[in-house]
Amino acid sequence: MIPTASSSFDFNNDSHRRYNPLTKSWVLCSPHRTQRPWQGQQEGPQLEQLPQYDPTCYLCPGNQRANGEKNPSYATTFVFPNDFAAVKSDQASYEQGTNKEDDLFKVQGVRGECHVICFSPRHDLTMAEMTTDEAALVVSQWRESYAWIQQERPWIRYVQIFENKGAAMGCSNPHPHGQMWCTESIPQEPARELEAMQEYQQKHGGCCLLCDYVDRELQKDERVVFANASFVCLVPFWAVWPFEVMIVARSHAPDLMALDQQQQHDLADMLRRMTCRYDNLFECSFPYSMGIHQAPTHAPSQQVRDAAHIHLHFYPPLLRSATVRKFLVGFEMLGEPQRDITPEQAAKRLKECPETHYKHAIKTNGHHH
């Protein structure tokens, strides 16, 4: 017997699946479950006050790194090759030889480079507490590093710039820094997106998936957190993580190099404001993995380059407080990802977060002003 309901469908209370056109995947939404009690693991609150300089930190200016090299006394950003890189350039190329037709055991050799990008000499200054000008130095360093790889490493096809923030995301050093993994193959996530964006372009008479998506989101205004002249920050319709957001360029730009001065400044503005809202959500240094998806440094075709539209993903693990996180387990590993709080509810919460950092806000009666 097929179950029936007397009332009409309610997106805020009834289970439904949402499609992600960027990765061609689905997410299950179960909004009625937000009421369930939580007695599981709680992350410990991060109460430690970090010093501005830590003599034992391998990222602080003037300190020694694991390989014995000494950091310069840098004043803004600082880039160096990762001493424990996941890929390396000095390895033999791998030919599959006679096994080319093997459909069960496929292997590709991957050469590449990994770089670390320190955001600031200060051990305790995260993006959330930076000024827009300080954040702009990070954006300009990303551009510089991307351009250098494109120019000097013609065999590298993709540059994945990302930041892991917080112990909950496996970040081993609290000194604010990001990474840049550069590989001769285009990694799976951006490759899937680029493929979906090309297909969308062919199907919709040359229109861009993300240009169209941003226009629709701005019209609806249900999931937009905030925007400036060049970028929109929103909780995607298909978000998996509770407070996941995307920062998307409002006009079509394939990569960091395509951004003009104003757009670069506006990107820095978005980064500072969004990370500050994150910290204010649960009044903690909010953990996340963040990364840029853009055109390959050497695209296999002009179509791939034309389809690319620069955007940033933020994937934060926290669910209902500074200590309660979401786990992607069970049905989500074996079935499909699932969320309780709807993207619309999450956007509303983030919209209400102030853009003055809670550490700098004046407290009266236990409330921030």
Protein backbone atom coordinates (compact mmCIF):
# COMPACT_ATOMS: atom_id res chain seq x y z
CA MET A 1 0.00 0.00 0.00
CA ILE A 2 1.36 3.41 -0.99
CA PRO A 3 1.47 5.85 1.94
CA THR A 4 -0.60 9.01 1.45
CA ALA A 5 -0.71 12.30 3.33
CA SER A 6 -3.60 14.64 3.87
CA SER A 7 -1.55 17.86 3.92
CA SER A 8 0.44 19.37 1.05
CA PHE A 9 4.21 18.90 0.78
CA ASP A 10 6.26 21.10 3.12
CA PHE A 11 9.93 21.67 2.23
CA ASN A 12 10.63 22.75 5.83
CA ASN A 13 9.27 19.57 7.34
CA ASP A 14 9.15 16.77 4.75
CA SER A 15 12.02 14.62 3.48
CA HIS A 16 13.18 15.29 -0.07
CA ARG A 17 16.24 14.93 -2.29
CA ARG A 18 18.00 17.85 -3.93
CA TYR A 19 20.11 17.59 -7.09
CA ASN A 20 23.59 19.10 -7.39
CA PRO A 21 24.08 20.00 -11.08
CA LEU A 22 27.78 20.75 -10.53
CA THR A 23 28.66 17.20 -9.50
CA LYS A 24 25.53 15.45 -10.84
CA SER A 25 24.78 13.99 -7.41
CA TRP A 26 21.94 14.06 -4.87
CA VAL A 27 21.56 14.99 -1.20
CA LEU A 28 18.77 13.81 1.11
CA CYS A 29 17.14 16.55 3.24
CA SER A 30 15.40 15.49 6.48
CA PRO A 31 14.32 18.79 8.06
CA HIS A 32 12.04 17.14 10.66
CA ARG A 33 15.10 15.52 12.30
CA THR A 34 16.54 18.76 13.68
CA GLN A 35 14.53 18.11 16.84
CA ARG A 36 16.39 14.92 17.74
CA PRO A 37 18.48 14.90 20.94
CA TRP A 38 22.28 14.76 20.65
CA GLN A 39 24.31 12.68 23.06
CA GLY A 40 27.22 11.89 20.81
CA GLN A 41 30.78 13.15 20.59
CA GLN A 42 31.44 16.78 21.39
CA GLU A 43 34.55 18.56 20.17
CA GLY A 44 36.38 20.33 23.00
CA PRO A 45 35.99 24.12 22.88
CA GLN A 46 39.06 25.92 21.56
CA LEU A 47 39.76 28.27 24.40
CA GLU A 48 43.51 28.67 24.09
CA GLN A 49 44.71 32.18 23.39
CA LEU A 50 47.40 31.84 20.76
CA PRO A 51 50.50 34.05 20.95
CA GLN A 52 51.32 36.43 18.07
CA TYR A 53 54.61 34.58 17.68
CA ASP A 54 55.36 30.99 18.70
CA PRO A 55 59.07 30.02 18.88
CA THR A 56 58.17 26.34 18.32
CA CYS A 57 55.99 26.95 15.21
CA TYR A 58 57.58 25.91 11.90
CA LEU A 59 55.55 28.55 10.00
CA CYS A 60 56.42 31.62 12.08
CA PRO A 61 59.01 34.08 10.65
CA GLY A 62 62.66 33.29 11.37
CA ASN A 63 61.91 29.80 12.73
CA GLN A 64 63.41 26.53 11.56
CA ARG A 65 61.30 24.04 9.57
CA ALA A 66 61.36 20.26 9.75
CA ASN A 67 63.91 20.00 6.91
CA GLY A 68 66.35 22.31 8.70
CA GLU A 69 65.67 25.34 6.50
CA LYS A 70 65.07 28.66 8.21
CA ASN A 71 62.05 30.83 7.35
CA PRO A 72 62.83 34.41 6.32
CA SER A 73 61.58 37.21 8.57
CA TYR A 74 58.60 37.73 6.26
CA ALA A 75 56.16 40.59 6.81
CA THR A 76 53.13 39.67 4.66
CA THR A 77 52.65 36.25 3.04
CA PHE A 78 55.25 33.50 2.64
CA VAL A 79 55.29 30.53 0.23
CA PHE A 80 57.54 27.50 0.39
CA PRO A 81 57.52 23.94 -1.02
CA ASN A 82 55.83 21.50 1.38
CA ASP A 83 58.47 19.50 3.23
CA PHE A 84 56.12 16.49 3.25
CA ALA A 85 54.52 16.74 -0.19
CA ALA A 86 51.77 14.37 -1.35
CA VAL A 87 53.10 14.48 -4.92
CA LYS A 88 56.59 15.05 -6.28
CA SER A 89 58.10 16.05 -9.60
CA ASP A 90 61.27 13.96 -9.53
CA GLN A 91 59.79 10.53 -10.23
CA ALA A 92 59.84 8.27 -13.26
CA SER A 93 56.86 8.48 -15.58
CA TYR A 94 54.57 5.46 -15.37
CA GLU A 95 53.57 3.57 -18.50
CA GLN A 96 50.83 1.02 -18.14
CA GLY A 97 52.41 -1.02 -20.92
CA THR A 98 50.55 -4.20 -21.82
CA ASN A 99 47.86 -3.57 -19.18
CA LYS A 100 46.33 -0.61 -21.05
CA GLU A 101 43.13 -2.56 -21.67
CA ASP A 102 42.77 -3.63 -18.04
CA ASP A 103 39.35 -2.46 -16.80
CA LEU A 104 39.93 -3.62 -13.24
CA PHE A 105 43.38 -2.37 -12.32
CA LYS A 106 43.94 1.08 -13.80
CA VAL A 107 46.82 3.22 -12.66
CA GLN A 108 48.09 6.67 -13.62
CA GLY A 109 51.37 8.10 -12.40
CA VAL A 110 50.95 11.58 -10.92
CA ARG A 111 53.75 14.09 -10.78
CA GLY A 112 53.29 17.43 -9.12
CA GLU A 113 54.30 19.90 -6.46
CA CYS A 114 52.83 20.98 -3.12
CA HIS A 115 53.34 24.44 -1.68
CA VAL A 116 52.43 25.99 1.66
CA ILE A 117 51.14 29.58 1.75
CA CYS A 118 51.37 31.38 5.10
CA PHE A 119 48.66 34.04 5.23
CA SER A 120 50.45 36.34 7.65
CA PRO A 121 53.52 36.42 9.92
CA ARG A 122 51.16 36.45 12.90
CA HIS A 123 50.61 33.06 14.52
CA ASP A 124 47.19 34.11 15.85
CA LEU A 125 45.68 36.05 12.93
CA THR A 126 43.07 34.03 11.03
CA MET A 127 41.26 35.32 7.94
CA ALA A 128 38.23 36.04 10.18
CA GLU A 129 40.16 38.70 12.12
CA MET A 130 42.11 40.21 9.24
CA THR A 131 41.37 43.56 7.62
CA THR A 132 40.25 43.43 4.00
CA ASP A 133 43.68 44.75 2.98
CA GLU A 134 45.40 41.91 4.84
CA ALA A 135 43.12 39.36 3.19
CA ALA A 136 43.86 41.02 -0.17
CA LEU A 137 47.54 40.11 0.28
CA VAL A 138 46.51 36.45 0.44
CA VAL A 139 44.42 36.76 -2.74
CA SER A 140 47.32 38.44 -4.53
CA GLN A 141 49.70 35.69 -3.36
CA TRP A 142 47.29 33.05 -4.73
CA ARG A 143 47.31 34.83 -8.08
CA GLU A 144 51.08 35.17 -8.11
CA SER A 145 51.59 31.48 -7.28
CA TYR A 146 48.99 30.36 -9.84
CA ALA A 147 50.62 32.51 -12.54
CA TRP A 148 54.08 31.20 -11.66
CA ILE A 149 52.98 27.55 -11.99
CA GLN A 150 51.18 28.29 -15.27
CA GLN A 151 54.31 29.96 -16.64
CA GLU A 152 57.10 27.80 -15.22
CA ARG A 153 55.46 24.36 -15.06
CA PRO A 154 53.81 23.69 -18.44
CA TRP A 155 53.36 20.00 -17.54
CA ILE A 156 51.11 20.83 -14.57
CA ARG A 157 47.43 20.87 -15.53
CA TYR A 158 45.68 21.89 -12.32
CA VAL A 159 46.38 24.03 -9.26
CA GLN A 160 44.18 23.23 -6.25
CA ILE A 161 44.39 26.04 -3.70
CA PHE A 162 42.82 25.23 -0.34
CA GLU A 163 42.86 25.87 3.40
CA ASN A 164 42.15 23.45 6.23
CA LYS A 165 41.30 25.42 9.33
CA GLY A 166 41.06 23.90 12.80
CA ALA A 167 41.96 20.60 14.45
CA ALA A 168 38.49 19.24 13.54
CA MET A 169 39.60 19.40 9.89
CA GLY A 170 42.90 17.69 10.61
CA CYS A 171 44.93 20.89 10.51
CA SER A 172 48.18 20.18 12.33
CA ASN A 173 49.39 23.76 12.85
CA PRO A 174 47.17 26.67 14.03
CA HIS A 175 49.34 29.29 12.26
CA PRO A 176 46.97 30.52 9.49
CA HIS A 177 48.08 28.98 6.22
CA GLY A 178 46.75 27.32 3.12
CA GLN A 179 48.15 24.92 0.58
CA MET A 180 48.52 24.61 -3.15
CA TRP A 181 48.67 21.14 -4.67
CA CYS A 182 49.66 21.23 -8.33
CA THR A 183 49.17 18.07 -10.38
CA GLU A 184 49.64 16.91 -13.95
CA SER A 185 46.14 15.40 -13.90
CA ILE A 186 42.93 17.36 -13.18
CA PRO A 187 41.63 16.02 -9.83
CA GLN A 188 38.26 14.30 -9.64
CA GLU A 189 36.12 17.04 -8.01
CA PRO A 190 37.03 19.91 -10.37
CA ALA A 191 37.01 17.48 -13.32
CA ARG A 192 33.42 16.46 -12.53
CA GLU A 193 32.35 20.09 -12.23
CA LEU A 194 34.06 21.12 -15.46
CA GLU A 195 32.40 18.24 -17.30
CA ALA A 196 28.96 19.16 -15.92
CA MET A 197 29.51 22.83 -16.81
CA GLN A 198 30.49 21.92 -20.38
CA GLU A 199 27.39 19.74 -20.76
CA TYR A 200 25.19 22.54 -19.40
CA GLN A 201 26.76 24.98 -21.85
CA GLN A 202 26.06 22.67 -24.81
CA LYS A 203 22.50 21.99 -23.69
CA HIS A 204 21.62 25.63 -22.92
CA GLY A 205 22.94 27.43 -25.98
CA GLY A 206 26.28 28.49 -24.57
CA CYS A 207 24.98 29.68 -21.18
CA CYS A 208 27.11 29.15 -18.08
CA LEU A 209 25.74 26.95 -15.29
CA LEU A 210 27.04 29.17 -12.48
CA CYS A 211 26.09 32.47 -14.18
CA ASP A 212 22.53 31.16 -14.51
CA TYR A 213 22.54 29.72 -10.98
CA VAL A 214 23.73 32.97 -9.35
CA ASP A 215 21.09 34.98 -11.24
CA ARG A 216 18.34 32.66 -10.02
CA GLU A 217 19.63 32.70 -6.43
CA LEU A 218 19.76 36.51 -6.39
CA GLN A 219 16.15 36.63 -7.65
CA LYS A 220 14.89 34.14 -5.05
CA ASP A 221 17.01 35.53 -2.20
CA GLU A 222 16.31 32.53 0.06
CA ARG A 223 19.88 31.27 0.34
CA VAL A 224 22.04 34.36 -0.31
CA VAL A 225 24.04 35.25 2.82
CA PHE A 226 25.50 38.51 1.44
CA ALA A 227 27.00 39.92 -1.75
CA ASN A 228 29.24 42.72 -3.01
CA ALA A 229 29.76 44.18 -6.48
CA SER A 230 31.78 41.20 -7.77
CA PHE A 231 30.80 38.12 -5.73
CA VAL A 232 27.84 36.40 -4.09
CA CYS A 233 28.07 34.28 -0.96
CA LEU A 234 25.29 31.71 -0.65
CA VAL A 235 24.34 28.39 0.89
CA PRO A 236 23.96 26.14 -2.19
CA PHE A 237 20.49 24.67 -2.82
CA TRP A 238 22.22 21.24 -2.72
CA ALA A 239 24.57 21.87 0.26
CA VAL A 240 25.72 18.74 2.13
CA TRP A 241 27.45 20.24 5.19
CA PRO A 242 25.18 22.11 7.66
CA PHE A 243 26.69 25.57 7.10
CA GLU A 244 28.36 24.98 3.74
CA VAL A 245 28.69 28.07 1.53
CA MET A 246 29.87 28.94 -1.95
CA ILE A 247 31.41 32.24 -2.99
CA VAL A 248 30.74 32.71 -6.71
CA ALA A 249 31.87 35.41 -9.14
CA ARG A 250 28.88 37.43 -10.38
CA SER A 251 30.30 37.88 -13.87
CA HIS A 252 31.89 35.07 -15.84
CA ALA A 253 35.59 34.66 -15.00
CA PRO A 254 37.47 31.38 -15.52
CA ASP A 255 40.26 31.81 -12.97
CA LEU A 256 42.13 34.08 -10.56
CA MET A 257 44.08 35.65 -13.42
CA ALA A 258 40.85 36.90 -15.03
CA LEU A 259 39.94 39.01 -11.97
CA ASP A 260 40.65 42.74 -12.21
CA GLN A 261 41.86 44.87 -9.26
CA GLN A 262 38.34 45.58 -8.03
CA GLN A 263 37.29 41.92 -8.22
CA GLN A 264 40.43 40.85 -6.34
CA HIS A 265 39.66 43.34 -3.59
CA ASP A 266 36.02 42.22 -3.53
CA LEU A 267 37.11 38.58 -3.17
CA ALA A 268 39.25 39.55 -0.15
CA ASP A 269 36.23 41.40 1.26
CA MET A 270 34.05 38.28 0.85
CA LEU A 271 36.63 36.02 2.51
CA ARG A 272 37.06 38.27 5.53
CA ARG A 273 33.32 38.81 6.01
CA MET A 274 32.31 35.17 5.56
CA THR A 275 34.97 33.73 7.87
CA CYS A 276 34.07 36.38 10.47
CA ARG A 277 30.38 35.38 10.28
CA TYR A 278 31.46 31.75 10.69
CA ASP A 279 33.41 32.57 13.89
CA ASN A 280 30.42 34.52 15.22
CA LEU A 281 27.95 31.70 14.56
CA PHE A 282 29.05 29.66 17.60
CA GLU A 283 31.58 32.16 19.00
CA CYS A 284 34.57 29.99 18.29
CA SER A 285 37.38 29.78 15.77
CA PHE A 286 35.17 28.05 13.19
CA PRO A 287 36.77 25.06 11.43
CA TYR A 288 36.37 24.37 7.70
CA SER A 289 38.00 23.16 4.52
CA MET A 290 37.90 25.83 1.84
CA GLY A 291 39.14 25.74 -1.72
CA ILE A 292 39.05 27.46 -5.10
CA HIS A 293 37.67 25.76 -8.20
CA GLN A 294 38.78 27.42 -11.42
CA ALA A 295 40.01 26.66 -14.94
CA PRO A 296 42.95 24.26 -15.33
CA THR A 297 46.31 26.04 -15.77
CA HIS A 298 46.61 24.25 -19.11
CA ALA A 299 43.11 23.29 -20.19
CA PRO A 300 42.78 20.29 -22.52
CA SER A 301 40.55 22.42 -24.80
CA GLN A 302 39.16 25.93 -25.20
CA GLN A 303 35.70 24.51 -24.36
CA VAL A 304 36.89 23.46 -20.90
CA ARG A 305 38.36 26.91 -20.30
CA ASP A 306 35.19 28.65 -21.53
CA ALA A 307 33.00 26.51 -19.26
CA ALA A 308 35.02 27.23 -16.09
CA HIS A 309 33.62 29.83 -13.67
CA ILE A 310 35.69 30.66 -10.59
CA HIS A 311 34.07 29.84 -7.24
CA LEU A 312 35.08 28.86 -3.71
CA HIS A 313 33.60 26.08 -1.59
CA PHE A 314 33.58 26.20 2.22
CA TYR A 315 32.90 22.84 3.91
CA PRO A 316 32.56 23.29 7.70
CA PRO A 317 31.88 20.30 10.00
CA LEU A 318 30.06 22.01 12.90
CA LEU A 319 26.36 21.31 13.28
CA ARG A 320 24.73 22.85 16.34
CA SER A 321 27.43 24.39 18.53
CA ALA A 322 31.18 24.86 18.82
CA THR A 323 31.41 21.29 20.11
CA VAL A 324 28.88 19.28 18.10
CA ARG A 325 29.93 18.27 14.60
CA LYS A 326 28.31 16.45 11.72
CA PHE A 327 29.68 13.07 10.66
CA LEU A 328 29.37 11.72 7.12
CA VAL A 329 28.71 8.11 8.12
CA GLY A 330 26.35 5.20 7.65
CA PHE A 331 23.70 5.92 5.02
CA GLU A 332 25.79 8.86 3.80
CA MET A 333 28.74 6.63 2.96
CA LEU A 334 26.63 3.79 1.61
CA GLY A 335 23.55 5.60 0.25
CA GLU A 336 23.86 9.33 -0.33
CA PRO A 337 24.71 12.43 1.73
CA GLN A 338 22.00 13.61 4.12
CA ARG A 339 21.32 16.80 6.08
CA ASP A 340 18.82 17.86 8.78
CA ILE A 341 18.85 21.67 8.90
CA THR A 342 17.74 22.94 5.46
CA PRO A 343 20.03 25.15 3.35
CA GLU A 344 17.42 27.93 3.75
CA GLN A 345 17.54 27.69 7.56
CA ALA A 346 21.35 27.67 7.47
CA ALA A 347 21.42 30.76 5.22
CA LYS A 348 19.06 32.57 7.59
CA ARG A 349 21.34 31.79 10.57
CA LEU A 350 24.45 32.97 8.71
CA LYS A 351 22.66 36.10 7.48
CA GLU A 352 21.96 37.04 11.10
CA CYS A 353 25.64 36.72 12.10
CA PRO A 354 27.39 40.09 12.50
CA GLU A 355 30.55 41.01 10.60
CA THR A 356 32.36 42.41 13.63
CA HIS A 357 34.34 39.59 15.22
CA TYR A 358 33.01 38.46 18.60
CA LYS A 359 36.46 38.94 20.17
CA HIS A 360 36.33 42.63 19.25
CA ALA A 361 32.67 43.23 19.99
CA ILE A 362 31.86 44.86 23.35
CA LYS A 363 29.96 42.56 25.68
CA THR A 364 27.10 43.87 27.80
CA ASN A 365 24.83 41.54 29.82
CA GLY A 366 26.55 38.61 28.16
CA HIS A 367 25.40 39.73 24.70
CA HIS A 368 27.46 41.24 21.91
CA HIS A 369 26.74 44.66 20.47
